[in-house]
Amino acid sequence: VVVRVRPLTGKERDSGDDELVACVGDRTLQVIDPSQQKGRSQTAVAYQFNRTFGTETKQDILFQNCGVLNLLDHVLEGYSATVFAYGPTGSGKTFTIT
């Protein structure tokens, strides 16, 4: 399972939203509890995945490192392939696939 953290949208930045999800290394995703007060020690939960990509990751790097390029090669050879993007509305699925 590969996870990509999308950057905040302009609307989110303008409204002062904070980034509450961050990649820690290549395989760990850290989620900060938004109910904690700013400026104090914040509680976070860490999750492990096969690979994580942060907000700074460019499309070509993501495609090279998550297997999409290999799938495209097989499609061009006549095989079927699927990339499954899952998440709530606005989570960055289309951003990641396009």
PDB file of N, CA and C in Angstrom:
ATOM      1  N   VAL A   1       0.851  -1.174   0.000  1.00  0.00           N
ATOM      2  CA  VAL A   1       0.000   0.000   0.000  1.00  0.00           C
ATOM      3  C   VAL A   1       0.894   1.232   0.000  1.00  0.00           C
ATOM      4  N   VAL A   2       0.629   2.138  -0.916  1.00  0.00           N
ATOM      5  CA  VAL A   2       1.385   3.377  -1.055  1.00  0.00           C
ATOM      6  C   VAL A   2       0.485   4.537  -0.654  1.00  0.00           C
ATOM      7  N   VAL A   3       1.017   5.472   0.112  1.00  0.00           N
ATOM      8  CA  VAL A   3       0.261   6.641   0.553  1.00  0.00           C
ATOM      9  C   VAL A   3       0.972   7.899   0.082  1.00  0.00           C
ATOM     10  N   ARG A   4       0.184   8.826  -0.458  1.00  0.00           N
ATOM     11  CA  ARG A   4       0.722  10.127  -0.817  1.00  0.00           C
ATOM     12  C   ARG A   4      -0.031  11.194  -0.036  1.00  0.00           C
ATOM     13  N   VAL A   5       0.725  12.079   0.593  1.00  0.00           N
ATOM     14  CA  VAL A   5       0.129  13.204   1.316  1.00  0.00           C
ATOM     15  C   VAL A   5       0.089  14.383   0.358  1.00  0.00           C
ATOM     16  N   ARG A   6      -1.098  14.875   0.095  1.00  0.00           N
ATOM     17  CA  ARG A   6      -1.206  16.007  -0.829  1.00  0.00           C
ATOM     18  C   ARG A   6      -0.918  17.308  -0.098  1.00  0.00           C
ATOM     19  N   PRO A   7      -0.443  18.308  -0.834  1.00  0.00           N
ATOM     20  CA  PRO A   7      -0.231  19.613  -0.202  1.00  0.00           C
ATOM     21  C   PRO A   7      -1.576  20.281   0.101  1.00  0.00           C
ATOM     22  N   LEU A   8      -1.562  21.223   1.020  1.00  0.00           N
ATOM     23  CA  LEU A   8      -2.772  21.990   1.298  1.00  0.00           C
ATOM     24  C   LEU A   8      -3.178  22.763   0.046  1.00  0.00           C
ATOM     25  N   THR A   9      -4.469  22.897  -0.164  1.00  0.00           N
ATOM     26  CA  THR A   9      -4.954  23.713  -1.271  1.00  0.00           C
ATOM     27  C   THR A   9      -4.791  25.185  -0.918  1.00  0.00           C
ATOM     28  N   GLY A  10      -4.916  26.050  -1.901  1.00  0.00           N
ATOM     29  CA  GLY A  10      -4.851  27.483  -1.645  1.00  0.00           C
ATOM     30  C   GLY A  10      -5.915  27.927  -0.665  1.00  0.00           C
ATOM     31  N   LYS A  11      -7.098  27.369  -0.800  1.00  0.00           N
ATOM     32  CA  LYS A  11      -8.199  27.709   0.107  1.00  0.00           C
ATOM     33  C   LYS A  11      -7.864  27.298   1.541  1.00  0.00           C
ATOM     34  N   GLU A  12      -7.271  26.121   1.696  1.00  0.00           N
ATOM     35  CA  GLU A  12      -6.895  25.646   3.029  1.00  0.00           C
ATOM     36  C   GLU A  12      -5.810  26.530   3.642  1.00  0.00           C
ATOM     37  N   ARG A  13      -4.823  26.909   2.835  1.00  0.00           N
ATOM     38  CA  ARG A  13      -3.755  27.799   3.336  1.00  0.00           C
ATOM     39  C   ARG A  13      -4.319  29.158   3.721  1.00  0.00           C
ATOM     40  N   ASP A  14      -5.195  29.692   2.859  1.00  0.00           N
ATOM     41  CA  ASP A  14      -5.776  31.014   3.117  1.00  0.00           C
ATOM     42  C   ASP A  14      -6.623  31.036   4.397  1.00  0.00           C
ATOM     43  N   SER A  15      -7.258  29.911   4.709  1.00  0.00           N
ATOM     44  CA  SER A  15      -8.095  29.873   5.913  1.00  0.00           C
ATOM     45  C   SER A  15      -7.286  29.526   7.165  1.00  0.00           C
ATOM     46  N   GLY A  16      -5.969  29.337   7.007  1.00  0.00           N
ATOM     47  CA  GLY A  16      -5.113  29.097   8.157  1.00  0.00           C
ATOM     48  C   GLY A  16      -5.070  27.652   8.638  1.00  0.00           C
ATOM     49  N   ASP A  17      -5.499  26.719   7.776  1.00  0.00           N
ATOM     50  CA  ASP A  17      -5.458  25.304   8.155  1.00  0.00           C
ATOM     51  C   ASP A  17      -4.015  24.843   8.331  1.00  0.00           C
ATOM     52  N   ASP A  18      -3.828  23.889   9.229  1.00  0.00           N
ATOM     53  CA  ASP A  18      -2.505  23.307   9.473  1.00  0.00           C
ATOM     54  C   ASP A  18      -2.399  21.957   8.793  1.00  0.00           C
ATOM     55  N   GLU A  19      -1.163  21.595   8.435  1.00  0.00           N
ATOM     56  CA  GLU A  19      -0.924  20.244   7.930  1.00  0.00           C
ATOM     57  C   GLU A  19      -0.878  19.304   9.131  1.00  0.00           C
ATOM     58  N   LEU A  20      -1.772  18.329   9.144  1.00  0.00           N
ATOM     59  CA  LEU A  20      -1.876  17.420  10.271  1.00  0.00           C
ATOM     60  C   LEU A  20      -1.359  16.025   9.942  1.00  0.00           C
ATOM     61  N   VAL A  21      -0.925  15.831   8.706  1.00  0.00           N
ATOM     62  CA  VAL A  21      -0.387  14.543   8.268  1.00  0.00           C
ATOM     63  C   VAL A  21       0.984  14.792   7.673  1.00  0.00           C
ATOM     64  N   ALA A  22       1.954  13.983   8.085  1.00  0.00           N
ATOM     65  CA  ALA A  22       3.322  14.149   7.588  1.00  0.00           C
ATOM     66  C   ALA A  22       3.985  12.794   7.427  1.00  0.00           C
ATOM     67  N   CYS A  23       4.865  12.702   6.450  1.00  0.00           N
ATOM     68  CA  CYS A  23       5.661  11.490   6.262  1.00  0.00           C
ATOM     69  C   CYS A  23       6.893  11.572   7.146  1.00  0.00           C
ATOM     70  N   VAL A  24       7.159  10.476   7.825  1.00  0.00           N
ATOM     71  CA  VAL A  24       8.357  10.362   8.651  1.00  0.00           C
ATOM     72  C   VAL A  24       9.150   9.203   8.061  1.00  0.00           C
ATOM     73  N   GLY A  25      10.144   9.521   7.275  1.00  0.00           N
ATOM     74  CA  GLY A  25      10.872   8.479   6.565  1.00  0.00           C
ATOM     75  C   GLY A  25      10.098   8.022   5.338  1.00  0.00           C
ATOM     76  N   ASP A  26      10.481   6.850   4.811  1.00  0.00           N
ATOM     77  CA  ASP A  26       9.870   6.337   3.584  1.00  0.00           C
ATOM     78  C   ASP A  26       8.647   5.463   3.815  1.00  0.00           C
ATOM     79  N   ARG A  27       8.388   5.084   5.073  1.00  0.00           N
ATOM     80  CA  ARG A  27       7.330   4.107   5.315  1.00  0.00           C
ATOM     81  C   ARG A  27       6.354   4.486   6.422  1.00  0.00           C
ATOM     82  N   THR A  28       6.553   5.617   7.061  1.00  0.00           N
ATOM     83  CA  THR A  28       5.724   5.978   8.213  1.00  0.00           C
ATOM     84  C   THR A  28       4.956   7.264   7.947  1.00  0.00           C
ATOM     85  N   LEU A  29       3.690   7.243   8.319  1.00  0.00           N
ATOM     86  CA  LEU A  29       2.823   8.404   8.199  1.00  0.00           C
ATOM     87  C   LEU A  29       2.419   8.812   9.603  1.00  0.00           C
ATOM     88  N   GLN A  30       2.580  10.077   9.933  1.00  0.00           N
ATOM     89  CA  GLN A  30       2.243  10.582  11.262  1.00  0.00           C
ATOM     90  C   GLN A  30       1.025  11.491  11.144  1.00  0.00           C
ATOM     91  N   VAL A  31       0.027  11.209  11.986  1.00  0.00           N
ATOM     92  CA  VAL A  31      -1.208  12.003  11.998  1.00  0.00           C
ATOM     93  C   VAL A  31      -1.293  12.700  13.350  1.00  0.00           C
ATOM     94  N   ILE A  32      -1.366  14.026  13.315  1.00  0.00           N
ATOM     95  CA  ILE A  32      -1.410  14.836  14.534  1.00  0.00           C
ATOM     96  C   ILE A  32      -2.862  15.038  14.956  1.00  0.00           C
ATOM     97  N   ASP A  33      -3.121  14.913  16.235  1.00  0.00           N
ATOM     98  CA  ASP A  33      -4.460  15.108  16.785  1.00  0.00           C
ATOM     99  C   ASP A  33      -4.811  16.591  16.718  1.00  0.00           C
ATOM    100  N   PRO A  34      -5.806  16.964  15.897  1.00  0.00           N
ATOM    101  CA  PRO A  34      -6.139  18.383  15.739  1.00  0.00           C
ATOM    102  C   PRO A  34      -6.799  18.998  16.973  1.00  0.00           C
ATOM    103  N   SER A  35      -7.237  18.181  17.919  1.00  0.00           N
ATOM    104  CA  SER A  35      -7.890  18.722  19.109  1.00  0.00           C
ATOM    105  C   SER A  35      -6.871  19.278  20.107  1.00  0.00           C
ATOM    106  N   GLN A  36      -5.595  18.988  19.920  1.00  0.00           N
ATOM    107  CA  GLN A  36      -4.556  19.505  20.810  1.00  0.00           C
ATOM    108  C   GLN A  36      -4.330  20.993  20.527  1.00  0.00           C
ATOM    109  N   GLN A  37      -4.063  21.742  21.560  1.00  0.00           N
ATOM    110  CA  GLN A  37      -3.839  23.175  21.407  1.00  0.00           C
ATOM    111  C   GLN A  37      -2.500  23.432  20.731  1.00  0.00           C
ATOM    112  N   LYS A  38      -2.476  24.458  19.895  1.00  0.00           N
ATOM    113  CA  LYS A  38      -1.227  24.846  19.240  1.00  0.00           C
ATOM    114  C   LYS A  38      -0.243  25.361  20.281  1.00  0.00           C
ATOM    115  N   GLY A  39       1.029  25.104  20.031  1.00  0.00           N
ATOM    116  CA  GLY A  39       2.059  25.595  20.926  1.00  0.00           C
ATOM    117  C   GLY A  39       2.373  24.652  22.063  1.00  0.00           C
ATOM    118  N   ARG A  40       1.528  23.688  22.292  1.00  0.00           N
ATOM    119  CA  ARG A  40       1.775  22.695  23.344  1.00  0.00           C
ATOM    120  C   ARG A  40       2.222  21.401  22.677  1.00  0.00           C
ATOM    121  N   SER A  41       2.698  20.499  23.457  1.00  0.00           N
ATOM    122  CA  SER A  41       3.094  19.197  22.937  1.00  0.00           C
ATOM    123  C   SER A  41       1.877  18.524  22.303  1.00  0.00           C
ATOM    124  N   GLN A  42       1.989  18.169  21.032  1.00  0.00           N
ATOM    125  CA  GLN A  42       0.855  17.586  20.330  1.00  0.00           C
ATOM    126  C   GLN A  42       0.961  16.067  20.289  1.00  0.00           C
ATOM    127  N   THR A  43      -0.183  15.418  20.366  1.00  0.00           N
ATOM    128  CA  THR A  43      -0.259  13.972  20.291  1.00  0.00           C
ATOM    129  C   THR A  43      -0.345  13.558  18.827  1.00  0.00           C
ATOM    130  N   ALA A  44       0.414  12.530  18.458  1.00  0.00           N
ATOM    131  CA  ALA A  44       0.378  12.035  17.090  1.00  0.00           C
ATOM    132  C   ALA A  44       0.342  10.510  17.105  1.00  0.00           C
ATOM    133  N   VAL A  45      -0.247   9.964  16.049  1.00  0.00           N
ATOM    134  CA  VAL A  45      -0.301   8.523  15.857  1.00  0.00           C
ATOM    135  C   VAL A  45       0.475   8.211  14.586  1.00  0.00           C
ATOM    136  N   ALA A  46       1.266   7.151  14.604  1.00  0.00           N
ATOM    137  CA  ALA A  46       2.055   6.767  13.443  1.00  0.00           C
ATOM    138  C   ALA A  46       1.492   5.493  12.824  1.00  0.00           C
ATOM    139  N   TYR A  47       1.478   5.462  11.492  1.00  0.00           N
ATOM    140  CA  TYR A  47       1.017   4.297  10.742  1.00  0.00           C
ATOM    141  C   TYR A  47       2.108   3.881   9.770  1.00  0.00           C
ATOM    142  N   GLN A  48       2.251   2.576   9.545  1.00  0.00           N
ATOM    143  CA  GLN A  48       3.262   2.038   8.655  1.00  0.00           C
ATOM    144  C   GLN A  48       2.632   1.607   7.328  1.00  0.00           C
ATOM    145  N   PHE A  49       3.323   1.892   6.223  1.00  0.00           N
ATOM    146  CA  PHE A  49       2.885   1.502   4.885  1.00  0.00           C
ATOM    147  C   PHE A  49       4.083   0.959   4.116  1.00  0.00           C
ATOM    148  N   ASN A  50       3.814   0.385   2.954  1.00  0.00           N
ATOM    149  CA  ASN A  50       4.913  -0.079   2.107  1.00  0.00           C
ATOM    150  C   ASN A  50       5.778   1.090   1.655  1.00  0.00           C
ATOM    151  N   ARG A  51       5.142   2.229   1.393  1.00  0.00           N
ATOM    152  CA  ARG A  51       5.878   3.421   0.971  1.00  0.00           C
ATOM    153  C   ARG A  51       5.002   4.632   1.206  1.00  0.00           C
ATOM    154  N   THR A  52       5.600   5.725   1.648  1.00  0.00           N
ATOM    155  CA  THR A  52       4.879   6.986   1.808  1.00  0.00           C
ATOM    156  C   THR A  52       5.581   8.073   1.015  1.00  0.00           C
ATOM    157  N   PHE A  53       4.802   9.009   0.509  1.00  0.00           N
ATOM    158  CA  PHE A  53       5.325  10.135  -0.258  1.00  0.00           C
ATOM    159  C   PHE A  53       4.743  11.423   0.320  1.00  0.00           C
ATOM    160  N   GLY A  54       5.589  12.395   0.570  1.00  0.00           N
ATOM    161  CA  GLY A  54       5.168  13.655   1.165  1.00  0.00           C
ATOM    162  C   GLY A  54       4.666  14.664   0.157  1.00  0.00           C
ATOM    163  N   THR A  55       4.330  15.828   0.661  1.00  0.00           N
ATOM    164  CA  THR A  55       3.744  16.882  -0.168  1.00  0.00           C
ATOM    165  C   THR A  55       4.701  17.403  -1.231  1.00  0.00           C
ATOM    166  N   GLU A  56       6.001  17.251  -1.007  1.00  0.00           N
ATOM    167  CA  GLU A  56       6.986  17.781  -1.955  1.00  0.00           C
ATOM    168  C   GLU A  56       7.245  16.834  -3.123  1.00  0.00           C
ATOM    169  N   THR A  57       6.685  15.634  -3.093  1.00  0.00           N
ATOM    170  CA  THR A  57       6.944  14.615  -4.115  1.00  0.00           C
ATOM    171  C   THR A  57       6.340  15.026  -5.455  1.00  0.00           C
ATOM    172  N   LYS A  58       7.147  14.977  -6.494  1.00  0.00           N
ATOM    173  CA  LYS A  58       6.696  15.289  -7.855  1.00  0.00           C
ATOM    174  C   LYS A  58       6.064  14.045  -8.472  1.00  0.00           C
ATOM    175  N   GLN A  59       5.192  14.261  -9.463  1.00  0.00           N
ATOM    176  CA  GLN A  59       4.471  13.164 -10.101  1.00  0.00           C
ATOM    177  C   GLN A  59       5.412  12.096 -10.668  1.00  0.00           C
ATOM    178  N   ASP A  60       6.469  12.503 -11.363  1.00  0.00           N
ATOM    179  CA  ASP A  60       7.340  11.518 -11.997  1.00  0.00           C
ATOM    180  C   ASP A  60       8.035  10.632 -10.960  1.00  0.00           C
ATOM    181  N   ILE A  61       8.427  11.202  -9.842  1.00  0.00           N
ATOM    182  CA  ILE A  61       9.058  10.416  -8.775  1.00  0.00           C
ATOM    183  C   ILE A  61       8.061   9.431  -8.186  1.00  0.00           C
ATOM    184  N   LEU A  62       6.837   9.886  -7.958  1.00  0.00           N
ATOM    185  CA  LEU A  62       5.791   9.011  -7.427  1.00  0.00           C
ATOM    186  C   LEU A  62       5.536   7.851  -8.375  1.00  0.00           C
ATOM    187  N   PHE A  63       5.354   8.138  -9.651  1.00  0.00           N
ATOM    188  CA  PHE A  63       5.050   7.087 -10.623  1.00  0.00           C
ATOM    189  C   PHE A  63       6.205   6.092 -10.736  1.00  0.00           C
ATOM    190  N   GLN A  64       7.442   6.566 -10.670  1.00  0.00           N
ATOM    191  CA  GLN A  64       8.600   5.676 -10.771  1.00  0.00           C
ATOM    192  C   GLN A  64       8.709   4.754  -9.562  1.00  0.00           C
ATOM    193  N   ASN A  65       8.345   5.229  -8.390  1.00  0.00           N
ATOM    194  CA  ASN A  65       8.583   4.491  -7.155  1.00  0.00           C
ATOM    195  C   ASN A  65       7.387   3.715  -6.618  1.00  0.00           C
ATOM    196  N   CYS A  66       6.222   3.849  -7.234  1.00  0.00           N
ATOM    197  CA  CYS A  66       5.071   3.112  -6.706  1.00  0.00           C
ATOM    198  C   CYS A  66       4.569   2.042  -7.659  1.00  0.00           C
ATOM    199  N   GLY A  67       5.216   1.858  -8.791  1.00  0.00           N
ATOM    200  CA  GLY A  67       4.852   0.782  -9.699  1.00  0.00           C
ATOM    201  C   GLY A  67       3.957   1.166 -10.853  1.00  0.00           C
ATOM    202  N   VAL A  68       3.518   2.414 -10.933  1.00  0.00           N
ATOM    203  CA  VAL A  68       2.611   2.825 -12.005  1.00  0.00           C
ATOM    204  C   VAL A  68       3.298   2.732 -13.368  1.00  0.00           C
ATOM    205  N   LEU A  69       4.553   3.110 -13.459  1.00  0.00           N
ATOM    206  CA  LEU A  69       5.242   3.043 -14.749  1.00  0.00           C
ATOM    207  C   LEU A  69       5.315   1.610 -15.258  1.00  0.00           C
ATOM    208  N   ASN A  70       5.557   0.645 -14.374  1.00  0.00           N
ATOM    209  CA  ASN A  70       5.569  -0.762 -14.779  1.00  0.00           C
ATOM    210  C   ASN A  70       4.202  -1.197 -15.284  1.00  0.00           C
ATOM    211  N   LEU A  71       3.146  -0.730 -14.620  1.00  0.00           N
ATOM    212  CA  LEU A  71       1.793  -1.064 -15.072  1.00  0.00           C
ATOM    213  C   LEU A  71       1.536  -0.502 -16.463  1.00  0.00           C
ATOM    214  N   LEU A  72       1.988   0.721 -16.710  1.00  0.00           N
ATOM    215  CA  LEU A  72       1.787   1.337 -18.022  1.00  0.00           C
ATOM    216  C   LEU A  72       2.507   0.551 -19.109  1.00  0.00           C
ATOM    217  N   ASP A  73       3.701   0.061 -18.809  1.00  0.00           N
ATOM    218  CA  ASP A  73       4.430  -0.763 -19.775  1.00  0.00           C
ATOM    219  C   ASP A  73       3.625  -2.010 -20.134  1.00  0.00           C
ATOM    220  N   HIS A  74       3.038  -2.652 -19.126  1.00  0.00           N
ATOM    221  CA  HIS A  74       2.240  -3.861 -19.365  1.00  0.00           C
ATOM    222  C   HIS A  74       0.965  -3.547 -20.150  1.00  0.00           C
ATOM    223  N   VAL A  75       0.348  -2.409 -19.878  1.00  0.00           N
ATOM    224  CA  VAL A  75      -0.850  -2.006 -20.621  1.00  0.00           C
ATOM    225  C   VAL A  75      -0.501  -1.839 -22.096  1.00  0.00           C
ATOM    226  N   LEU A  76       0.642  -1.226 -22.373  1.00  0.00           N
ATOM    227  CA  LEU A  76       1.061  -1.035 -23.765  1.00  0.00           C
ATOM    228  C   LEU A  76       1.370  -2.356 -24.463  1.00  0.00           C
ATOM    229  N   GLU A  77       1.627  -3.405 -23.667  1.00  0.00           N
ATOM    230  CA  GLU A  77       1.843  -4.742 -24.222  1.00  0.00           C
ATOM    231  C   GLU A  77       0.528  -5.510 -24.382  1.00  0.00           C
ATOM    232  N   GLY A  78      -0.595  -4.902 -23.986  1.00  0.00           N
ATOM    233  CA  GLY A  78      -1.895  -5.525 -24.168  1.00  0.00           C
ATOM    234  C   GLY A  78      -2.531  -6.100 -22.916  1.00  0.00           C
ATOM    235  N   TYR A  79      -1.869  -5.987 -21.780  1.00  0.00           N
ATOM    236  CA  TYR A  79      -2.428  -6.496 -20.531  1.00  0.00           C
ATOM    237  C   TYR A  79      -3.334  -5.458 -19.883  1.00  0.00           C
ATOM    238  N   SER A  80      -4.206  -5.910 -19.002  1.00  0.00           N
ATOM    239  CA  SER A  80      -5.059  -5.006 -18.228  1.00  0.00           C
ATOM    240  C   SER A  80      -4.347  -4.639 -16.928  1.00  0.00           C
ATOM    241  N   ALA A  81      -4.639  -3.462 -16.413  1.00  0.00           N
ATOM    242  CA  ALA A  81      -4.045  -3.017 -15.149  1.00  0.00           C
ATOM    243  C   ALA A  81      -5.002  -2.064 -14.457  1.00  0.00           C
ATOM    244  N   THR A  82      -4.867  -1.984 -13.140  1.00  0.00           N
ATOM    245  CA  THR A  82      -5.707  -1.088 -12.346  1.00  0.00           C
ATOM    246  C   THR A  82      -4.863  -0.368 -11.310  1.00  0.00           C
ATOM    247  N   VAL A  83      -5.093   0.924 -11.185  1.00  0.00           N
ATOM    248  CA  VAL A  83      -4.530   1.705 -10.083  1.00  0.00           C
ATOM    249  C   VAL A  83      -5.723   2.126  -9.236  1.00  0.00           C
ATOM    250  N   PHE A  84      -5.717   1.724  -7.984  1.00  0.00           N
ATOM    251  CA  PHE A  84      -6.847   1.986  -7.098  1.00  0.00           C
ATOM    252  C   PHE A  84      -6.489   3.163  -6.195  1.00  0.00           C
ATOM    253  N   ALA A  85      -7.221   4.257  -6.342  1.00  0.00           N
ATOM    254  CA  ALA A  85      -7.014   5.439  -5.497  1.00  0.00           C
ATOM    255  C   ALA A  85      -8.216   5.555  -4.569  1.00  0.00           C
ATOM    256  N   TYR A  86      -7.950   5.573  -3.266  1.00  0.00           N
ATOM    257  CA  TYR A  86      -9.018   5.565  -2.279  1.00  0.00           C
ATOM    258  C   TYR A  86      -8.880   6.755  -1.343  1.00  0.00           C
ATOM    259  N   GLY A  87      -9.978   7.350  -0.991  1.00  0.00           N
ATOM    260  CA  GLY A  87      -9.980   8.434  -0.016  1.00  0.00           C
ATOM    261  C   GLY A  87     -11.232   9.278  -0.147  1.00  0.00           C
ATOM    262  N   PRO A  88     -11.501  10.114   0.856  1.00  0.00           N
ATOM    263  CA  PRO A  88     -12.692  10.955   0.806  1.00  0.00           C
ATOM    264  C   PRO A  88     -12.556  12.065  -0.236  1.00  0.00           C
ATOM    265  N   THR A  89     -13.663  12.693  -0.540  1.00  0.00           N
ATOM    266  CA  THR A  89     -13.665  13.813  -1.472  1.00  0.00           C
ATOM    267  C   THR A  89     -12.674  14.873  -1.017  1.00  0.00           C
ATOM    268  N   GLY A  90     -11.852  15.337  -1.949  1.00  0.00           N
ATOM    269  CA  GLY A  90     -10.880  16.376  -1.645  1.00  0.00           C
ATOM    270  C   GLY A  90      -9.577  15.872  -1.062  1.00  0.00           C
ATOM    271  N   SER A  91      -9.385  14.552  -1.025  1.00  0.00           N
ATOM    272  CA  SER A  91      -8.170  14.018  -0.400  1.00  0.00           C
ATOM    273  C   SER A  91      -6.977  13.953  -1.338  1.00  0.00           C
ATOM    274  N   GLY A  92      -7.178  14.185  -2.637  1.00  0.00           N
ATOM    275  CA  GLY A  92      -6.056  14.232  -3.561  1.00  0.00           C
ATOM    276  C   GLY A  92      -5.942  13.066  -4.522  1.00  0.00           C
ATOM    277  N   LYS A  93      -7.009  12.294  -4.716  1.00  0.00           N
ATOM    278  CA  LYS A  93      -6.948  11.151  -5.617  1.00  0.00           C
ATOM    279  C   LYS A  93      -6.671  11.599  -7.053  1.00  0.00           C
ATOM    280  N   THR A  94      -7.431  12.516  -7.556  1.00  0.00           N
ATOM    281  CA  THR A  94      -7.237  13.008  -8.916  1.00  0.00           C
ATOM    282  C   THR A  94      -5.903  13.716  -9.046  1.00  0.00           C
ATOM    283  N   PHE A  95      -5.512  14.465  -8.035  1.00  0.00           N
ATOM    284  CA  PHE A  95      -4.204  15.135  -8.009  1.00  0.00           C
ATOM    285  C   PHE A  95      -3.086  14.131  -8.202  1.00  0.00           C
ATOM    286  N   THR A  96      -3.204  12.978  -7.565  1.00  0.00           N
ATOM    287  CA  THR A  96      -2.160  11.959  -7.616  1.00  0.00           C
ATOM    288  C   THR A  96      -2.147  11.213  -8.939  1.00  0.00           C
ATOM    289  N   ILE A  97      -3.304  10.897  -9.474  1.00  0.00           N
ATOM    290  CA  ILE A  97      -3.384  10.075 -10.688  1.00  0.00           C
ATOM    291  C   ILE A  97      -3.097  10.884 -11.946  1.00  0.00           C
ATOM    292  N   THR A  98      -3.391  12.155 -11.965  1.00  0.00           N
ATOM    293  CA  THR A  98      -3.192  12.932 -13.199  1.00  0.00           C
ATOM    294  C   THR A  98      -1.844  13.606 -13.244  1.00  0.00           C
TER     295      THR A  98
END
